[in-house]
């Protein structure tokens, strides 16, 4: 039974979250014509998978692989 590299996994998740978060923010602001997000309009955020959900899915597959 091999040990889990939990600290490396946490560091990777932080990096992945910050990179994908800024990626999504850039997409949303580049595609929106408004300089500031308007709360009355539906944002593309609700349509895109969140970085957290993507990482939790990856983490489940990682745990199942062992």
PDB file of N, CA and C in Angstrom:
ATOM      1  N   UNK A   1       0.854  -1.201   0.000  1.00  0.00           N
ATOM      2  CA  UNK A   1       0.000   0.000   0.000  1.00  0.00           C
ATOM      3  C   UNK A   1       0.883   1.241   0.000  1.00  0.00           C
ATOM      4  N   UNK A   2       0.688   2.076  -1.003  1.00  0.00           N
ATOM      5  CA  UNK A   2       1.531   3.254  -1.103  1.00  0.00           C
ATOM      6  C   UNK A   2       0.903   4.430  -0.372  1.00  0.00           C
ATOM      7  N   UNK A   3       1.743   5.318   0.119  1.00  0.00           N
ATOM      8  CA  UNK A   3       1.236   6.463   0.874  1.00  0.00           C
ATOM      9  C   UNK A   3       0.778   7.555  -0.086  1.00  0.00           C
ATOM     10  N   UNK A   4      -0.209   8.311   0.353  1.00  0.00           N
ATOM     11  CA  UNK A   4      -0.724   9.395  -0.476  1.00  0.00           C
ATOM     12  C   UNK A   4       0.151  10.641  -0.321  1.00  0.00           C
ATOM     13  N   UNK A   5       0.571  11.245  -1.422  1.00  0.00           N
ATOM     14  CA  UNK A   5       1.308  12.525  -1.323  1.00  0.00           C
ATOM     15  C   UNK A   5       0.332  13.673  -1.069  1.00  0.00           C
ATOM     16  N   UNK A   6      -0.192  13.709   0.158  1.00  0.00           N
ATOM     17  CA  UNK A   6      -1.304  14.628   0.427  1.00  0.00           C
ATOM     18  C   UNK A   6      -0.861  16.089   0.357  1.00  0.00           C
ATOM     19  N   UNK A   7       0.347  16.393   0.839  1.00  0.00           N
ATOM     20  CA  UNK A   7       0.766  17.797   0.823  1.00  0.00           C
ATOM     21  C   UNK A   7       1.011  18.264  -0.605  1.00  0.00           C
ATOM     22  N   UNK A   8       1.607  17.422  -1.433  1.00  0.00           N
ATOM     23  CA  UNK A   8       1.831  17.783  -2.834  1.00  0.00           C
ATOM     24  C   UNK A   8       0.491  17.933  -3.549  1.00  0.00           C
ATOM     25  N   UNK A   9      -0.450  17.074  -3.192  1.00  0.00           N
ATOM     26  CA  UNK A   9      -1.778  17.142  -3.808  1.00  0.00           C
ATOM     27  C   UNK A   9      -2.471  18.448  -3.436  1.00  0.00           C
ATOM     28  N   UNK A  10      -2.322  18.865  -2.178  1.00  0.00           N
ATOM     29  CA  UNK A  10      -2.935  20.124  -1.747  1.00  0.00           C
ATOM     30  C   UNK A  10      -2.303  21.315  -2.464  1.00  0.00           C
ATOM     31  N   UNK A  11      -0.978  21.295  -2.605  1.00  0.00           N
ATOM     32  CA  UNK A  11      -0.309  22.383  -3.322  1.00  0.00           C
ATOM     33  C   UNK A  11      -0.776  22.440  -4.769  1.00  0.00           C
ATOM     34  N   UNK A  12      -0.901  21.255  -5.397  1.00  0.00           N
ATOM     35  CA  UNK A  12      -1.369  21.213  -6.779  1.00  0.00           C
ATOM     36  C   UNK A  12      -2.785  21.751  -6.884  1.00  0.00           C
ATOM     37  N   UNK A  13      -3.619  21.438  -5.896  1.00  0.00           N
ATOM     38  CA  UNK A  13      -5.006  21.902  -5.961  1.00  0.00           C
ATOM     39  C   UNK A  13      -5.066  23.415  -5.808  1.00  0.00           C
ATOM     40  N   UNK A  14      -4.209  23.976  -4.963  1.00  0.00           N
ATOM     41  CA  UNK A  14      -4.195  25.436  -4.818  1.00  0.00           C
ATOM     42  C   UNK A  14      -3.756  26.104  -6.119  1.00  0.00           C
ATOM     43  N   UNK A  15      -2.705  25.552  -6.726  1.00  0.00           N
ATOM     44  CA  UNK A  15      -2.232  26.119  -7.992  1.00  0.00           C
ATOM     45  C   UNK A  15      -3.285  25.972  -9.085  1.00  0.00           C
ATOM     46  N   UNK A  16      -3.892  24.800  -9.150  1.00  0.00           N
ATOM     47  CA  UNK A  16      -4.911  24.540 -10.156  1.00  0.00           C
ATOM     48  C   UNK A  16      -6.092  25.477  -9.963  1.00  0.00           C
ATOM     49  N   UNK A  17      -6.479  25.690  -8.700  1.00  0.00           N
ATOM     50  CA  UNK A  17      -7.628  26.556  -8.443  1.00  0.00           C
ATOM     51  C   UNK A  17      -7.328  27.995  -8.831  1.00  0.00           C
ATOM     52  N   UNK A  18      -6.159  28.494  -8.450  1.00  0.00           N
ATOM     53  CA  UNK A  18      -5.853  29.898  -8.749  1.00  0.00           C
ATOM     54  C   UNK A  18      -5.714  30.114 -10.250  1.00  0.00           C
ATOM     55  N   UNK A  19      -5.095  29.156 -10.945  1.00  0.00           N
ATOM     56  CA  UNK A  19      -4.918  29.300 -12.390  1.00  0.00           C
ATOM     57  C   UNK A  19      -6.264  29.232 -13.097  1.00  0.00           C
ATOM     58  N   UNK A  20      -7.078  28.241 -12.764  1.00  0.00           N
ATOM     59  CA  UNK A  20      -8.354  28.091 -13.456  1.00  0.00           C
ATOM     60  C   UNK A  20      -9.325  29.192 -13.064  1.00  0.00           C
ATOM     61  N   UNK A  21      -9.214  29.681 -11.817  1.00  0.00           N
ATOM     62  CA  UNK A  21     -10.086  30.778 -11.393  1.00  0.00           C
ATOM     63  C   UNK A  21      -9.794  32.030 -12.211  1.00  0.00           C
ATOM     64  N   UNK A  22      -8.529  32.373 -12.365  1.00  0.00           N
ATOM     65  CA  UNK A  22      -8.192  33.560 -13.157  1.00  0.00           C
ATOM     66  C   UNK A  22      -8.558  33.341 -14.628  1.00  0.00           C
ATOM     67  N   UNK A  23      -8.450  32.083 -15.089  1.00  0.00           N
ATOM     68  CA  UNK A  23      -8.828  31.755 -16.464  1.00  0.00           C
ATOM     69  C   UNK A  23     -10.316  32.011 -16.687  1.00  0.00           C
ATOM     70  N   UNK A  24     -11.149  31.527 -15.756  1.00  0.00           N
ATOM     71  CA  UNK A  24     -12.590  31.746 -15.872  1.00  0.00           C
ATOM     72  C   UNK A  24     -12.938  33.227 -15.784  1.00  0.00           C
ATOM     73  N   UNK A  25     -12.276  33.939 -14.868  1.00  0.00           N
ATOM     74  CA  UNK A  25     -12.557  35.370 -14.713  1.00  0.00           C
ATOM     75  C   UNK A  25     -12.201  36.119 -15.994  1.00  0.00           C
ATOM     76  N   UNK A  26     -11.071  35.745 -16.606  1.00  0.00           N
ATOM     77  CA  UNK A  26     -10.681  36.392 -17.868  1.00  0.00           C
ATOM     78  C   UNK A  26     -11.696  36.107 -18.965  1.00  0.00           C
ATOM     79  N   UNK A  27     -12.188  34.876 -19.024  1.00  0.00           N
ATOM     80  CA  UNK A  27     -13.189  34.517 -20.031  1.00  0.00           C
ATOM     81  C   UNK A  27     -14.455  35.339 -19.831  1.00  0.00           C
ATOM     82  N   UNK A  28     -14.899  35.411 -18.574  1.00  0.00           N
ATOM     83  CA  UNK A  28     -16.154  36.104 -18.288  1.00  0.00           C
ATOM     84  C   UNK A  28     -16.043  37.588 -18.615  1.00  0.00           C
ATOM     85  N   UNK A  29     -14.937  38.206 -18.219  1.00  0.00           N
ATOM     86  CA  UNK A  29     -14.801  39.638 -18.456  1.00  0.00           C
ATOM     87  C   UNK A  29     -14.500  39.950 -19.916  1.00  0.00           C
ATOM     88  N   UNK A  30     -13.845  39.034 -20.623  1.00  0.00           N
ATOM     89  CA  UNK A  30     -13.564  39.318 -22.032  1.00  0.00           C
ATOM     90  C   UNK A  30     -14.818  39.150 -22.879  1.00  0.00           C
ATOM     91  N   UNK A  31     -15.736  38.275 -22.460  1.00  0.00           N
ATOM     92  CA  UNK A  31     -16.954  38.056 -23.236  1.00  0.00           C
ATOM     93  C   UNK A  31     -18.100  38.974 -22.824  1.00  0.00           C
ATOM     94  N   UNK A  32     -17.969  39.620 -21.680  1.00  0.00           N
ATOM     95  CA  UNK A  32     -19.033  40.530 -21.261  1.00  0.00           C
ATOM     96  C   UNK A  32     -18.718  41.943 -21.749  1.00  0.00           C
ATOM     97  N   UNK A  33     -19.727  42.639 -22.219  1.00  0.00           N
ATOM     98  CA  UNK A  33     -19.506  43.989 -22.722  1.00  0.00           C
ATOM     99  C   UNK A  33     -19.484  45.005 -21.589  1.00  0.00           C
ATOM    100  N   UNK A  34     -19.996  44.614 -20.446  1.00  0.00           N
ATOM    101  CA  UNK A  34     -20.032  45.533 -19.317  1.00  0.00           C
ATOM    102  C   UNK A  34     -18.673  45.580 -18.625  1.00  0.00           C
ATOM    103  N   UNK A  35     -18.218  46.758 -18.187  1.00  0.00           N
ATOM    104  CA  UNK A  35     -16.949  46.851 -17.475  1.00  0.00           C
ATOM    105  C   UNK A  35     -17.001  46.194 -16.101  1.00  0.00           C
ATOM    106  N   UNK A  36     -18.197  46.159 -15.508  1.00  0.00           N
ATOM    107  CA  UNK A  36     -18.348  45.504 -14.215  1.00  0.00           C
ATOM    108  C   UNK A  36     -19.456  44.472 -14.317  1.00  0.00           C
ATOM    109  N   UNK A  37     -19.355  43.369 -13.585  1.00  0.00           N
ATOM    110  CA  UNK A  37     -20.405  42.357 -13.636  1.00  0.00           C
ATOM    111  C   UNK A  37     -21.727  42.894 -13.078  1.00  0.00           C
ATOM    112  N   UNK A  38     -22.787  42.658 -13.798  1.00  0.00           N
ATOM    113  CA  UNK A  38     -24.104  43.123 -13.373  1.00  0.00           C
ATOM    114  C   UNK A  38     -24.830  41.966 -12.691  1.00  0.00           C
ATOM    115  N   UNK A  39     -25.283  42.189 -11.471  1.00  0.00           N
ATOM    116  CA  UNK A  39     -25.886  41.102 -10.699  1.00  0.00           C
ATOM    117  C   UNK A  39     -27.259  40.714 -11.239  1.00  0.00           C
ATOM    118  N   UNK A  40     -27.875  41.594 -12.030  1.00  0.00           N
ATOM    119  CA  UNK A  40     -29.208  41.280 -12.549  1.00  0.00           C
ATOM    120  C   UNK A  40     -29.140  40.305 -13.716  1.00  0.00           C
ATOM    121  N   UNK A  41     -28.011  40.268 -14.413  1.00  0.00           N
ATOM    122  CA  UNK A  41     -27.881  39.381 -15.556  1.00  0.00           C
ATOM    123  C   UNK A  41     -27.300  38.039 -15.120  1.00  0.00           C
ATOM    124  N   UNK A  42     -27.747  36.944 -15.753  1.00  0.00           N
ATOM    125  CA  UNK A  42     -27.139  35.648 -15.451  1.00  0.00           C
ATOM    126  C   UNK A  42     -25.697  35.602 -15.961  1.00  0.00           C
ATOM    127  N   UNK A  43     -24.808  35.221 -15.125  1.00  0.00           N
ATOM    128  CA  UNK A  43     -23.401  35.195 -15.519  1.00  0.00           C
ATOM    129  C   UNK A  43     -23.050  33.842 -16.127  1.00  0.00           C
ATOM    130  N   UNK A  44     -22.036  33.792 -16.993  1.00  0.00           N
ATOM    131  CA  UNK A  44     -21.577  32.512 -17.527  1.00  0.00           C
ATOM    132  C   UNK A  44     -21.005  31.595 -16.439  1.00  0.00           C
ATOM    133  N   UNK A  45     -20.758  32.158 -15.251  1.00  0.00           N
ATOM    134  CA  UNK A  45     -20.206  31.350 -14.160  1.00  0.00           C
ATOM    135  C   UNK A  45     -21.109  30.181 -13.828  1.00  0.00           C
ATOM    136  N   UNK A  46     -22.413  30.391 -13.866  1.00  0.00           N
ATOM    137  CA  UNK A  46     -23.337  29.335 -13.476  1.00  0.00           C
ATOM    138  C   UNK A  46     -23.368  28.212 -14.515  1.00  0.00           C
ATOM    139  N   UNK A  47     -22.958  28.536 -15.741  1.00  0.00           N
ATOM    140  CA  UNK A  47     -22.976  27.527 -16.797  1.00  0.00           C
ATOM    141  C   UNK A  47     -21.688  26.712 -16.834  1.00  0.00           C
ATOM    142  N   UNK A  48     -20.595  27.309 -16.369  1.00  0.00           N
ATOM    143  CA  UNK A  48     -19.311  26.617 -16.408  1.00  0.00           C
ATOM    144  C   UNK A  48     -19.115  25.779 -15.156  1.00  0.00           C
ATOM    145  N   UNK A  49     -18.421  24.639 -15.282  1.00  0.00           N
ATOM    146  CA  UNK A  49     -18.076  23.886 -14.079  1.00  0.00           C
ATOM    147  C   UNK A  49     -17.071  24.675 -13.251  1.00  0.00           C
ATOM    148  N   UNK A  50     -17.246  24.680 -11.970  1.00  0.00           N
ATOM    149  CA  UNK A  50     -16.333  25.428 -11.110  1.00  0.00           C
ATOM    150  C   UNK A  50     -15.031  24.658 -10.942  1.00  0.00           C
ATOM    151  N   UNK A  51     -13.931  25.350 -10.699  1.00  0.00           N
ATOM    152  CA  UNK A  51     -12.662  24.655 -10.456  1.00  0.00           C
ATOM    153  C   UNK A  51     -12.764  23.677  -9.293  1.00  0.00           C
ATOM    154  N   UNK A  52     -13.566  24.005  -8.287  1.00  0.00           N
ATOM    155  CA  UNK A  52     -13.694  23.101  -7.137  1.00  0.00           C
ATOM    156  C   UNK A  52     -14.351  21.788  -7.539  1.00  0.00           C
ATOM    157  N   UNK A  53     -15.394  21.855  -8.358  1.00  0.00           N
ATOM    158  CA  UNK A  53     -16.075  20.634  -8.763  1.00  0.00           C
ATOM    159  C   UNK A  53     -15.174  19.787  -9.656  1.00  0.00           C
ATOM    160  N   UNK A  54     -14.390  20.459 -10.517  1.00  0.00           N
ATOM    161  CA  UNK A  54     -13.466  19.721 -11.364  1.00  0.00           C
ATOM    162  C   UNK A  54     -12.409  19.018 -10.531  1.00  0.00           C
ATOM    163  N   UNK A  55     -11.881  19.721  -9.528  1.00  0.00           N
ATOM    164  CA  UNK A  55     -10.826  19.113  -8.720  1.00  0.00           C
ATOM    165  C   UNK A  55     -11.379  17.991  -7.848  1.00  0.00           C
ATOM    166  N   UNK A  56     -12.583  18.157  -7.317  1.00  0.00           N
ATOM    167  CA  UNK A  56     -13.145  17.105  -6.479  1.00  0.00           C
ATOM    168  C   UNK A  56     -13.399  15.854  -7.309  1.00  0.00           C
ATOM    169  N   UNK A  57     -13.774  16.047  -8.575  1.00  0.00           N
ATOM    170  CA  UNK A  57     -13.956  14.905  -9.468  1.00  0.00           C
ATOM    171  C   UNK A  57     -12.622  14.195  -9.697  1.00  0.00           C
ATOM    172  N   UNK A  58     -11.563  14.968  -9.959  1.00  0.00           N
ATOM    173  CA  UNK A  58     -10.234  14.388 -10.138  1.00  0.00           C
ATOM    174  C   UNK A  58      -9.783  13.658  -8.880  1.00  0.00           C
ATOM    175  N   UNK A  59     -10.094  14.252  -7.719  1.00  0.00           N
ATOM    176  CA  UNK A  59      -9.673  13.651  -6.459  1.00  0.00           C
ATOM    177  C   UNK A  59     -10.392  12.328  -6.225  1.00  0.00           C
ATOM    178  N   UNK A  60     -11.673  12.247  -6.598  1.00  0.00           N
ATOM    179  CA  UNK A  60     -12.412  10.989  -6.460  1.00  0.00           C
ATOM    180  C   UNK A  60     -11.796   9.914  -7.336  1.00  0.00           C
ATOM    181  N   UNK A  61     -11.425  10.267  -8.561  1.00  0.00           N
ATOM    182  CA  UNK A  61     -10.799   9.292  -9.450  1.00  0.00           C
ATOM    183  C   UNK A  61      -9.432   8.864  -8.911  1.00  0.00           C
ATOM    184  N   UNK A  62      -8.713   9.791  -8.305  1.00  0.00           N
ATOM    185  CA  UNK A  62      -7.410   9.478  -7.726  1.00  0.00           C
ATOM    186  C   UNK A  62      -7.557   8.493  -6.574  1.00  0.00           C
ATOM    187  N   UNK A  63      -8.589   8.687  -5.749  1.00  0.00           N
ATOM    188  CA  UNK A  63      -8.804   7.790  -4.623  1.00  0.00           C
ATOM    189  C   UNK A  63      -9.290   6.424  -5.101  1.00  0.00           C
ATOM    190  N   UNK A  64     -10.065   6.388  -6.172  1.00  0.00           N
ATOM    191  CA  UNK A  64     -10.555   5.115  -6.692  1.00  0.00           C
ATOM    192  C   UNK A  64      -9.437   4.321  -7.352  1.00  0.00           C
ATOM    193  N   UNK A  65      -8.425   5.010  -7.872  1.00  0.00           N
ATOM    194  CA  UNK A  65      -7.334   4.321  -8.559  1.00  0.00           C
ATOM    195  C   UNK A  65      -6.521   3.464  -7.589  1.00  0.00           C
ATOM    196  N   UNK A  66      -6.451   3.873  -6.332  1.00  0.00           N
ATOM    197  CA  UNK A  66      -5.787   3.056  -5.315  1.00  0.00           C
ATOM    198  C   UNK A  66      -6.761   2.025  -4.850  1.00  0.00           C
TER     199      UNK A  66
END
